[in-house]
């Protein structure tokens, strides 16, 4: 985001991301009525209060997706108390959001289990991202064996999927936090929530203060997004590949070298 009203209750509590009038970096309308173009811009102007300082020891290309995917997963880990060493945190989906969720949860000292429909992502989760365990959500025996073991789950999937098996993985007082945006409503099973005093919650990016905190934490722990850098003229091909989930895990457009900005 590049702006907000600055006067509502959320803005006054460093929660500009929940301001009713917050301005999206891309596809939004700025204070002067112009449209925001985000990463497709050759230059942009914004208030200094909405500029994030990137520490020198973290590369700009690897840091760029953290301003969305990074804060989207870091914020709920912090807000919902899933940031304590020794906690068991599940991460549903191993994509652009999921892979940085694993990195942040591990850096916070959690035991991390990746939950995915794709068995072929196990090596990536365990060997590359250092997750502690991997569950194939379609394998009932695996899911049953892990029931009642997790303090919280960050669900990054934007496709409609059953929540009941995920709720079953939670301990009493466990939290299932949704950060994906499915197009259709979920069926919400109430009984397991009541019987386990469990919570299903949501979270949307983070305020500017928390986003800076996230970037500083990422620099301290050497966390970046796994990326593929592309020139601007590759964009249409990249969009086609995105539809096929053919990227690990974020495309980053090299604007400066593409447009040769001085």
Protein backbone atom coordinates (compact mmCIF):
# COMPACT_ATOMS: atom_id res chain seq x y z
CA UNK A 1 0.00 0.00 0.00
CA UNK A 2 1.09 3.58 -0.62
CA UNK A 3 -1.41 5.57 1.41
CA UNK A 4 -4.31 5.66 3.85
CA UNK A 5 -6.60 8.26 5.41
CA UNK A 6 -4.22 8.83 8.33
CA UNK A 7 -7.00 9.79 10.73
CA UNK A 8 -9.11 6.72 11.49
CA UNK A 9 -8.68 4.51 14.55
CA UNK A 10 -6.75 1.88 12.61
CA UNK A 11 -4.32 4.43 11.19
CA UNK A 12 -3.70 5.87 14.65
CA UNK A 13 -2.72 2.38 15.86
CA UNK A 14 -0.24 1.66 13.04
CA UNK A 15 -2.79 -0.53 11.26
CA UNK A 16 -2.98 1.39 7.99
CA UNK A 17 -3.59 -1.94 6.24
CA UNK A 18 -7.05 -2.02 7.84
CA UNK A 19 -7.90 1.58 7.02
CA UNK A 20 -11.19 1.72 5.05
CA UNK A 21 -9.49 4.15 2.65
CA UNK A 22 -6.08 2.53 2.27
CA UNK A 23 -4.52 2.88 -1.18
CA UNK A 24 -3.16 -0.17 -2.94
CA UNK A 25 0.26 0.03 -4.58
CA UNK A 26 -1.26 -1.34 -7.78
CA UNK A 27 -4.72 -0.69 -9.17
CA UNK A 28 -5.63 1.90 -6.53
CA UNK A 29 -6.49 5.57 -6.79
CA UNK A 30 -3.98 7.94 -5.17
CA UNK A 31 -4.88 11.09 -3.19
CA UNK A 32 -4.68 13.23 -6.34
CA UNK A 33 -6.92 10.88 -8.30
CA UNK A 34 -4.19 9.22 -10.36
CA UNK A 35 -4.09 5.44 -10.72
CA UNK A 36 -1.31 3.49 -9.01
CA UNK A 37 0.74 1.11 -11.17
CA UNK A 38 3.06 -0.41 -8.59
CA UNK A 39 5.85 -2.55 -9.97
CA UNK A 40 4.88 -1.69 -13.53
CA UNK A 41 5.89 1.94 -12.98
CA UNK A 42 9.18 3.39 -14.18
CA UNK A 43 8.97 5.82 -11.25
CA UNK A 44 6.50 6.63 -8.47
CA UNK A 45 5.98 9.22 -5.76
CA UNK A 46 4.55 8.52 -2.32
CA UNK A 47 4.56 9.88 1.22
CA UNK A 48 7.78 9.16 3.09
CA UNK A 49 5.76 7.47 5.83
CA UNK A 50 4.90 4.70 3.39
CA UNK A 51 8.48 4.04 2.29
CA UNK A 52 10.22 0.98 3.73
CA UNK A 53 13.98 1.07 4.36
CA UNK A 54 15.74 -2.03 3.05
CA UNK A 55 18.88 -2.84 5.09
CA UNK A 56 22.11 -2.95 3.09
CA UNK A 57 22.71 -6.65 3.76
CA UNK A 58 19.51 -7.83 2.06
CA UNK A 59 19.25 -7.81 -1.77
CA UNK A 60 16.53 -5.62 -3.23
CA UNK A 61 15.24 -8.30 -5.61
CA UNK A 62 14.92 -10.97 -2.91
CA UNK A 63 13.42 -8.44 -0.50
CA UNK A 64 10.78 -7.08 -2.89
CA UNK A 65 8.22 -9.92 -2.49
CA UNK A 66 8.58 -9.73 1.30
CA UNK A 67 6.66 -6.43 1.16
CA UNK A 68 3.60 -8.54 0.31
CA UNK A 69 4.15 -12.26 0.87
CA UNK A 70 6.55 -11.68 3.75
CA UNK A 71 4.40 -9.35 5.82
CA UNK A 72 1.27 -11.36 5.01
CA UNK A 73 2.75 -14.35 6.84
CA UNK A 74 4.94 -12.58 9.42
CA UNK A 75 2.07 -10.48 10.79
CA UNK A 76 -0.25 -13.37 11.79
CA UNK A 77 2.63 -15.32 13.31
CA UNK A 78 3.30 -12.34 15.58
CA UNK A 79 -0.27 -11.19 16.20
CA UNK A 80 -1.70 -14.61 17.05
CA UNK A 81 1.18 -15.58 19.33
CA UNK A 82 2.66 -18.24 17.06
CA UNK A 83 6.11 -16.71 17.41
CA UNK A 84 7.29 -18.54 20.54
CA UNK A 85 10.24 -20.95 20.32
CA UNK A 86 9.12 -24.58 20.46
CA UNK A 87 5.64 -23.99 19.11
CA UNK A 88 4.36 -26.30 16.38
CA UNK A 89 3.16 -24.31 13.37
CA UNK A 90 1.58 -25.74 10.24
CA UNK A 91 1.83 -24.01 6.86
CA UNK A 92 -0.80 -24.93 4.28
CA UNK A 93 0.43 -24.53 0.71
CA UNK A 94 4.02 -24.21 -0.45
CA UNK A 95 3.93 -21.30 -2.88
CA UNK A 96 4.83 -17.62 -2.82
CA UNK A 97 3.28 -17.11 0.62
CA UNK A 98 3.91 -20.54 2.05
CA UNK A 99 7.64 -20.71 1.45
CA UNK A 100 8.31 -17.44 3.31
CA UNK A 101 5.90 -18.50 6.08
CA UNK A 102 8.14 -21.52 6.62
CA UNK A 103 11.25 -19.32 6.71
CA UNK A 104 9.79 -16.85 9.22
CA UNK A 105 8.31 -19.53 11.47
CA UNK A 106 11.63 -21.38 11.56
CA UNK A 107 13.52 -18.16 12.33
CA UNK A 108 11.10 -17.52 15.21
CA UNK A 109 12.02 -20.91 16.66
CA UNK A 110 8.90 -22.87 15.74
CA UNK A 111 8.69 -26.49 14.69
CA UNK A 112 7.18 -26.27 11.20
CA UNK A 113 5.08 -28.77 9.29
CA UNK A 114 4.17 -28.09 5.66
CA UNK A 115 0.72 -29.32 4.62
CA UNK A 116 0.24 -29.76 0.88
CA UNK A 117 -1.77 -31.69 -1.70
CA UNK A 118 1.44 -32.21 -3.71
CA UNK A 119 3.72 -35.03 -2.50
CA UNK A 120 6.43 -33.87 -4.91
CA UNK A 121 6.98 -30.74 -2.80
CA UNK A 122 8.27 -32.74 0.16
CA UNK A 123 11.95 -32.51 -0.78
CA UNK A 124 11.68 -28.76 -1.31
CA UNK A 125 9.98 -28.32 2.06
CA UNK A 126 12.34 -30.50 4.06
CA UNK A 127 15.70 -30.14 2.31
CA UNK A 128 15.60 -26.60 0.95
CA UNK A 129 13.34 -24.76 3.39
CA UNK A 130 14.29 -26.85 6.45
CA UNK A 131 10.71 -27.64 7.48
CA UNK A 132 10.57 -30.28 10.21
CA UNK A 133 7.79 -32.38 8.70
CA UNK A 134 5.56 -32.69 5.64
CA UNK A 135 1.94 -33.84 5.44
CA UNK A 136 0.09 -34.76 2.28
CA UNK A 137 -3.39 -33.45 3.06
CA UNK A 138 -5.06 -36.08 0.87
CA UNK A 139 -3.44 -38.92 2.82
CA UNK A 140 -5.87 -39.62 5.65
CA UNK A 141 -3.42 -41.77 7.61
CA UNK A 142 -0.85 -38.97 7.70
CA UNK A 143 -3.42 -36.38 8.73
CA UNK A 144 -4.91 -38.65 11.40
CA UNK A 145 -1.48 -39.30 12.92
CA UNK A 146 -0.90 -35.55 13.27
CA UNK A 147 -4.27 -34.68 14.82
CA UNK A 148 -4.15 -32.42 17.85
CA UNK A 149 -0.44 -31.62 17.52
CA UNK A 150 -0.29 -28.04 16.22
CA UNK A 151 -0.49 -24.74 18.09
CA UNK A 152 -1.44 -22.86 14.95
CA UNK A 153 -1.72 -23.06 11.18
CA UNK A 154 -1.10 -20.39 8.55
CA UNK A 155 -3.32 -21.27 5.58
CA UNK A 156 -1.98 -19.61 2.41
CA UNK A 157 -4.15 -21.40 -0.15
CA UNK A 158 -6.58 -19.35 -2.24
CA UNK A 159 -8.48 -22.33 -3.68
CA UNK A 160 -11.52 -23.63 -1.81
CA UNK A 161 -10.50 -26.62 0.33
CA UNK A 162 -11.92 -28.47 3.34
CA UNK A 163 -11.21 -26.86 6.71
CA UNK A 164 -12.29 -29.75 8.94
CA UNK A 165 -9.05 -31.75 8.50
CA UNK A 166 -7.00 -28.65 9.31
CA UNK A 167 -9.05 -27.87 12.39
CA UNK A 168 -8.42 -31.44 13.50
CA UNK A 169 -4.66 -30.85 13.41
CA UNK A 170 -4.94 -28.11 16.04
CA UNK A 171 -4.45 -28.53 19.76
CA UNK A 172 -7.04 -27.16 22.16
CA UNK A 173 -6.95 -23.34 21.81
CA UNK A 174 -5.24 -23.71 18.43
CA UNK A 175 -5.60 -21.05 15.75
CA UNK A 176 -6.20 -21.52 12.03
CA UNK A 177 -5.30 -18.24 10.31
CA UNK A 178 -6.49 -17.66 6.75
CA UNK A 179 -4.38 -15.42 4.53
CA UNK A 180 -5.47 -16.73 1.12
CA UNK A 181 -8.50 -15.29 -0.67
CA UNK A 182 -10.71 -18.03 -2.18
CA UNK A 183 -13.33 -16.93 -4.68
CA UNK A 184 -16.13 -18.94 -3.04
CA UNK A 185 -17.23 -19.20 0.61
CA UNK A 186 -16.03 -22.08 2.77
CA UNK A 187 -18.19 -24.51 4.70
CA UNK A 188 -17.44 -23.77 8.34
CA UNK A 189 -17.67 -26.72 10.76
CA UNK A 190 -18.62 -25.27 14.16
CA UNK A 191 -18.63 -28.34 16.42
CA UNK A 192 -14.84 -28.92 16.42
CA UNK A 193 -14.31 -25.23 17.15
CA UNK A 194 -16.60 -25.35 20.16
CA UNK A 195 -15.28 -28.65 21.50
CA UNK A 196 -11.63 -27.56 21.19
CA UNK A 197 -12.03 -23.84 21.92
CA UNK A 198 -10.32 -23.29 18.58
CA UNK A 199 -10.22 -20.17 16.43
CA UNK A 200 -10.46 -19.54 12.71
CA UNK A 201 -9.10 -16.07 11.99
CA UNK A 202 -7.86 -13.91 9.14
CA UNK A 203 -5.01 -11.50 8.51
CA UNK A 204 -4.18 -8.99 5.77
CA UNK A 205 -0.61 -7.78 5.13
CA UNK A 206 0.52 -5.44 7.96
CA UNK A 207 0.91 -1.81 8.92
CA UNK A 208 3.97 0.20 7.89
CA UNK A 209 5.60 -0.07 11.33
CA UNK A 210 5.20 -3.84 11.36
CA UNK A 211 6.34 -4.13 7.73
CA UNK A 212 9.58 -2.34 8.63
CA UNK A 213 9.95 -4.65 11.63
CA UNK A 214 9.48 -7.63 9.30
CA UNK A 215 12.12 -6.40 6.84
CA UNK A 216 14.60 -5.76 9.66
CA UNK A 217 13.91 -9.24 11.06
CA UNK A 218 14.39 -10.74 7.59
CA UNK A 219 17.74 -8.97 7.20
CA UNK A 220 18.84 -10.14 10.65
CA UNK A 221 18.00 -13.76 9.83
CA UNK A 222 19.02 -13.70 6.16
CA UNK A 223 15.49 -14.31 4.89
CA UNK A 224 14.61 -13.50 1.30
CA UNK A 225 11.97 -14.72 -1.11
CA UNK A 226 12.98 -17.37 -3.63
CA UNK A 227 12.68 -15.53 -6.93
CA UNK A 228 13.14 -15.52 -10.67
CA UNK A 229 14.19 -12.11 -12.01
CA UNK A 230 12.67 -11.20 -15.38
CA UNK A 231 12.80 -8.25 -17.81
CA UNK A 232 9.60 -6.30 -18.41
CA UNK A 233 9.16 -7.75 -21.91
CA UNK A 234 8.86 -11.25 -20.40
CA UNK A 235 5.82 -10.22 -18.40
CA UNK A 236 3.11 -11.86 -20.52
CA UNK A 237 4.99 -15.16 -20.52
CA UNK A 238 5.44 -14.85 -16.77
CA UNK A 239 1.69 -14.36 -16.33
CA UNK A 240 1.03 -17.51 -18.36
CA UNK A 241 3.48 -19.41 -16.19
CA UNK A 242 1.83 -18.07 -13.05
CA UNK A 243 -1.46 -19.60 -14.15
CA UNK A 244 0.34 -22.95 -14.33
CA UNK A 245 2.04 -22.40 -10.95
CA UNK A 246 5.33 -22.56 -12.85
CA UNK A 247 7.49 -20.33 -10.66
CA UNK A 248 9.57 -20.83 -7.52
CA UNK A 249 8.19 -18.76 -5.97
CA UNK A 250 7.93 -15.18 -7.16
CA UNK A 251 8.72 -13.31 -10.36
CA UNK A 252 10.54 -10.02 -9.83
CA UNK A 253 10.62 -7.49 -12.67
CA UNK A 254 13.99 -5.80 -13.20
CA UNK A 255 12.69 -2.34 -14.04
CA UNK A 256 16.01 -0.49 -13.84
CA UNK A 257 17.94 -2.67 -16.26
CA UNK A 258 14.95 -3.11 -18.55
CA UNK A 259 14.26 0.61 -18.97
CA UNK A 260 17.85 1.73 -18.34
CA UNK A 261 16.79 4.30 -15.77
CA UNK A 262 19.62 6.65 -14.88
